[in-house]
């Protein structure tokens, strides 16, 4: 997996981009994978209300630095796409953990609809296992955090769905007594306990 945003930012499997502006730019691109992010939007994400007069030039410098970093990681620098409007990131199936998560969740929901609860549980657990912590943890900034919050909310929704499936399979005792052992939610201390969630779940 080339890009990881379901937790601290990762590129090529490693948390390798440390410069603050570079990290913000690189976070914004996979958050909107499949589209060109306008230059103005990237400038706002990095500098918010106080962009310098040289913001566009500095943005170009950051992108050039990111491409060089990609090269050192063995990634094609052309994964970052330049467009007259702005920049984007080119991803293939399986490159971005958030897209893999979405596909697994969609398959799990289809399995629930078909009454295949064991298969749904397996797929939900696999989706939740992709998470390494809060989305893009450690990156501040209004634009990044707003979009990351949406991902975090999706995670909690899927966690609730996993609890509901476990309850329908008769695993209520396991969820309350050993919530993390069930496989739903991993070991992230920032997630709500499954015992608390199960009290409000509809079996």
Protein backbone atom coordinates (compact mmCIF):
# COMPACT_ATOMS: atom_id res chain seq x y z
CA UNK A 1 0.00 0.00 0.00
CA UNK A 2 1.62 3.25 -1.14
CA UNK A 3 -0.39 5.79 0.84
CA UNK A 4 -1.65 5.48 4.40
CA UNK A 5 -3.97 8.09 5.89
CA UNK A 6 -5.92 5.88 8.34
CA UNK A 7 -3.54 6.86 11.10
CA UNK A 8 -0.31 8.89 10.91
CA UNK A 9 0.60 9.76 7.32
CA UNK A 10 2.60 7.05 5.58
CA UNK A 11 4.17 6.93 2.15
CA UNK A 12 5.59 3.70 0.79
CA UNK A 13 4.74 1.98 4.07
CA UNK A 14 6.73 4.42 6.22
CA UNK A 15 6.10 7.68 8.07
CA UNK A 16 8.78 9.38 6.04
CA UNK A 17 7.60 12.93 5.35
CA UNK A 18 8.39 15.15 8.31
CA UNK A 19 8.46 18.75 6.99
CA UNK A 20 5.24 20.41 8.16
CA UNK A 21 4.20 22.03 4.88
CA UNK A 22 5.13 18.97 2.85
CA UNK A 23 3.08 16.74 5.14
CA UNK A 24 0.05 19.00 4.88
CA UNK A 25 0.21 19.06 1.09
CA UNK A 26 0.75 15.32 0.86
CA UNK A 27 -2.15 14.72 3.25
CA UNK A 28 -4.50 16.86 1.18
CA UNK A 29 -3.82 14.98 -2.06
CA UNK A 30 -4.84 11.41 -1.04
CA UNK A 31 -7.71 12.83 1.02
CA UNK A 32 -9.11 13.84 -2.37
CA UNK A 33 -7.68 11.05 -4.50
CA UNK A 34 -9.03 10.98 -8.02
CA UNK A 35 -9.35 14.74 -8.37
CA UNK A 36 -7.09 17.73 -8.84
CA UNK A 37 -6.86 19.78 -5.67
CA UNK A 38 -6.87 23.48 -6.63
CA UNK A 39 -3.79 25.50 -5.79
CA UNK A 40 -5.89 27.93 -3.75
CA UNK A 41 -7.18 25.05 -1.62
CA UNK A 42 -3.66 23.81 -0.94
CA UNK A 43 -2.46 27.31 -0.08
CA UNK A 44 -5.37 27.65 2.37
CA UNK A 45 -4.55 24.27 3.91
CA UNK A 46 -0.93 25.25 4.54
CA UNK A 47 -1.22 28.92 5.52
CA UNK A 48 -4.94 29.35 6.26
CA UNK A 49 -5.80 33.06 6.62
CA UNK A 50 -2.27 34.40 6.23
CA UNK A 51 -0.63 33.12 3.02
CA UNK A 52 2.58 34.91 2.04
CA UNK A 53 2.92 36.64 -1.31
CA UNK A 54 5.24 33.80 -2.38
CA UNK A 55 2.75 31.06 -1.41
CA UNK A 56 2.41 29.63 -4.93
CA UNK A 57 6.17 29.51 -5.44
CA UNK A 58 6.65 27.87 -2.05
CA UNK A 59 3.95 25.35 -2.92
CA UNK A 60 5.84 24.42 -6.09
CA UNK A 61 9.01 23.98 -4.01
CA UNK A 62 7.18 21.68 -1.60
CA UNK A 63 5.83 19.55 -4.44
CA UNK A 64 9.30 19.28 -6.00
CA UNK A 65 10.68 18.19 -2.65
CA UNK A 66 7.94 15.59 -2.28
CA UNK A 67 8.72 14.18 -5.72
CA UNK A 68 12.39 13.85 -4.76
CA UNK A 69 11.33 12.09 -1.58
CA UNK A 70 9.20 9.69 -3.60
CA UNK A 71 12.24 8.86 -5.72
CA UNK A 72 14.30 7.99 -2.63
CA UNK A 73 11.47 5.69 -1.52
CA UNK A 74 11.41 3.93 -4.87
CA UNK A 75 8.10 5.50 -5.87
CA UNK A 76 7.53 7.16 -9.26
CA UNK A 77 7.66 10.94 -8.79
CA UNK A 78 4.94 11.29 -11.41
CA UNK A 79 2.47 9.91 -8.86
CA UNK A 80 2.04 13.57 -8.01
CA UNK A 81 0.22 15.07 -10.96
CA UNK A 82 0.59 18.70 -12.01
CA UNK A 83 -2.40 20.40 -13.60
CA UNK A 84 -3.02 24.04 -14.54
CA UNK A 85 -5.59 24.10 -11.74
CA UNK A 86 -3.46 22.49 -9.05
CA UNK A 87 -2.09 19.09 -8.05
CA UNK A 88 -3.34 15.57 -7.56
CA UNK A 89 -2.10 12.13 -6.65
CA UNK A 90 -2.39 9.16 -8.97
CA UNK A 91 -3.48 5.95 -7.23
CA UNK A 92 -4.17 2.43 -8.45
CA UNK A 93 -6.47 -0.07 -6.71
CA UNK A 94 -4.90 -1.04 -3.40
CA UNK A 95 -2.62 2.02 -3.21
CA UNK A 96 -4.64 4.02 -0.65
CA UNK A 97 -5.77 2.49 2.63
CA UNK A 98 -8.88 4.67 2.82
CA UNK A 99 -10.10 3.34 -0.53
CA UNK A 100 -9.37 -0.25 0.51
CA UNK A 101 -11.33 0.41 3.71
CA UNK A 102 -14.31 1.72 1.74
CA UNK A 103 -14.31 -1.28 -0.59
CA UNK A 104 -14.17 -3.76 2.31
CA UNK A 105 -16.99 -1.98 4.10
CA UNK A 106 -19.16 -1.99 0.97
CA UNK A 107 -18.58 -5.73 0.58
CA UNK A 108 -19.41 -6.30 4.25
CA UNK A 109 -22.67 -4.39 3.96
CA UNK A 110 -23.62 -6.41 0.91
CA UNK A 111 -22.94 -9.58 2.94
CA UNK A 112 -25.19 -8.33 5.76
CA UNK A 113 -27.97 -7.65 3.25
CA UNK A 114 -27.55 -11.19 1.92
CA UNK A 115 -27.72 -12.61 5.44
CA UNK A 116 -24.09 -13.78 5.33
CA UNK A 117 -23.19 -12.56 8.78
CA UNK A 118 -20.01 -14.57 9.30
CA UNK A 119 -18.61 -13.24 6.04
CA UNK A 120 -19.74 -9.72 6.96
CA UNK A 121 -17.96 -9.96 10.31
CA UNK A 122 -14.76 -11.08 8.61
CA UNK A 123 -14.88 -8.20 6.15
CA UNK A 124 -15.71 -5.62 8.81
CA UNK A 125 -12.83 -6.80 10.96
CA UNK A 126 -10.48 -6.63 7.98
CA UNK A 127 -11.64 -3.08 7.25
CA UNK A 128 -11.15 -1.93 10.84
CA UNK A 129 -7.74 -3.60 11.01
CA UNK A 130 -6.46 -1.11 8.42
CA UNK A 131 -6.65 1.68 11.00
CA UNK A 132 -3.53 2.65 12.96
CA UNK A 133 -5.06 5.48 14.96
CA UNK A 134 -6.97 8.71 14.21
CA UNK A 135 -6.85 9.62 10.52
CA UNK A 136 -3.73 11.67 9.72
CA UNK A 137 -2.90 11.94 13.39
CA UNK A 138 -0.28 14.55 14.16
CA UNK A 139 -1.15 16.85 11.26
CA UNK A 140 -2.85 20.04 12.38
CA UNK A 141 -4.65 22.50 10.17
CA UNK A 142 -8.31 23.19 9.58
CA UNK A 143 -8.53 21.70 6.08
CA UNK A 144 -6.80 18.42 6.92
CA UNK A 145 -8.53 17.94 10.25
CA UNK A 146 -11.99 18.61 8.81
CA UNK A 147 -11.58 15.89 6.19
CA UNK A 148 -9.82 13.54 8.60
CA UNK A 149 -12.72 13.90 11.02
CA UNK A 150 -15.07 12.60 8.34
CA UNK A 151 -12.92 9.47 8.04
CA UNK A 152 -12.85 9.05 11.83
CA UNK A 153 -16.64 9.27 11.92
CA UNK A 154 -16.88 6.59 9.23
CA UNK A 155 -14.65 4.39 11.34
CA UNK A 156 -16.95 4.68 14.36
CA UNK A 157 -19.97 3.93 12.17
CA UNK A 158 -18.31 0.75 10.88
CA UNK A 159 -17.33 -0.17 14.43
CA UNK A 160 -20.99 0.10 15.42
CA UNK A 161 -21.96 -2.08 12.46
CA UNK A 162 -19.38 -4.64 13.52
CA UNK A 163 -20.87 -4.69 17.03
CA UNK A 164 -24.36 -5.18 15.61
CA UNK A 165 -23.17 -8.15 13.54
CA UNK A 166 -21.39 -9.67 16.53
CA UNK A 167 -24.58 -9.36 18.59
CA UNK A 168 -26.62 -11.02 15.86
CA UNK A 169 -24.10 -13.86 15.90
CA UNK A 170 -24.58 -14.22 19.66
CA UNK A 171 -21.29 -12.75 20.81
CA UNK A 172 -22.63 -10.15 23.26
CA UNK A 173 -20.77 -11.59 26.26
CA UNK A 174 -17.43 -11.51 24.44
CA UNK A 175 -18.01 -7.93 23.36
CA UNK A 176 -18.74 -6.71 26.88
CA UNK A 177 -16.10 -8.72 28.72
CA UNK A 178 -13.29 -8.50 26.17
CA UNK A 179 -14.18 -5.85 23.61
CA UNK A 180 -10.81 -5.63 21.88
CA UNK A 181 -10.41 -9.41 21.65
CA UNK A 182 -13.40 -9.57 19.32
CA UNK A 183 -11.32 -8.06 16.52
CA UNK A 184 -13.60 -5.05 16.04
CA UNK A 185 -11.82 -1.78 16.52
CA UNK A 186 -8.29 -3.01 17.03
CA UNK A 187 -6.51 -1.64 20.08
CA UNK A 188 -6.95 2.09 19.65
CA UNK A 189 -7.59 3.61 23.10
CA UNK A 190 -9.32 6.61 21.50
CA UNK A 191 -12.19 4.47 20.19
CA UNK A 192 -15.28 3.99 22.34
CA UNK A 193 -15.41 0.65 24.12
CA UNK A 194 -17.46 -2.00 22.39
CA UNK A 195 -19.25 -2.83 25.59
CA UNK A 196 -20.64 0.71 25.65
CA UNK A 197 -21.51 0.58 21.98
CA UNK A 198 -23.19 -2.79 22.30
CA UNK A 199 -25.62 -1.38 24.88
CA UNK A 200 -27.14 0.77 22.14
CA UNK A 201 -26.76 -1.61 19.21
CA UNK A 202 -29.73 -3.25 17.56
CA UNK A 203 -29.17 -6.98 17.23
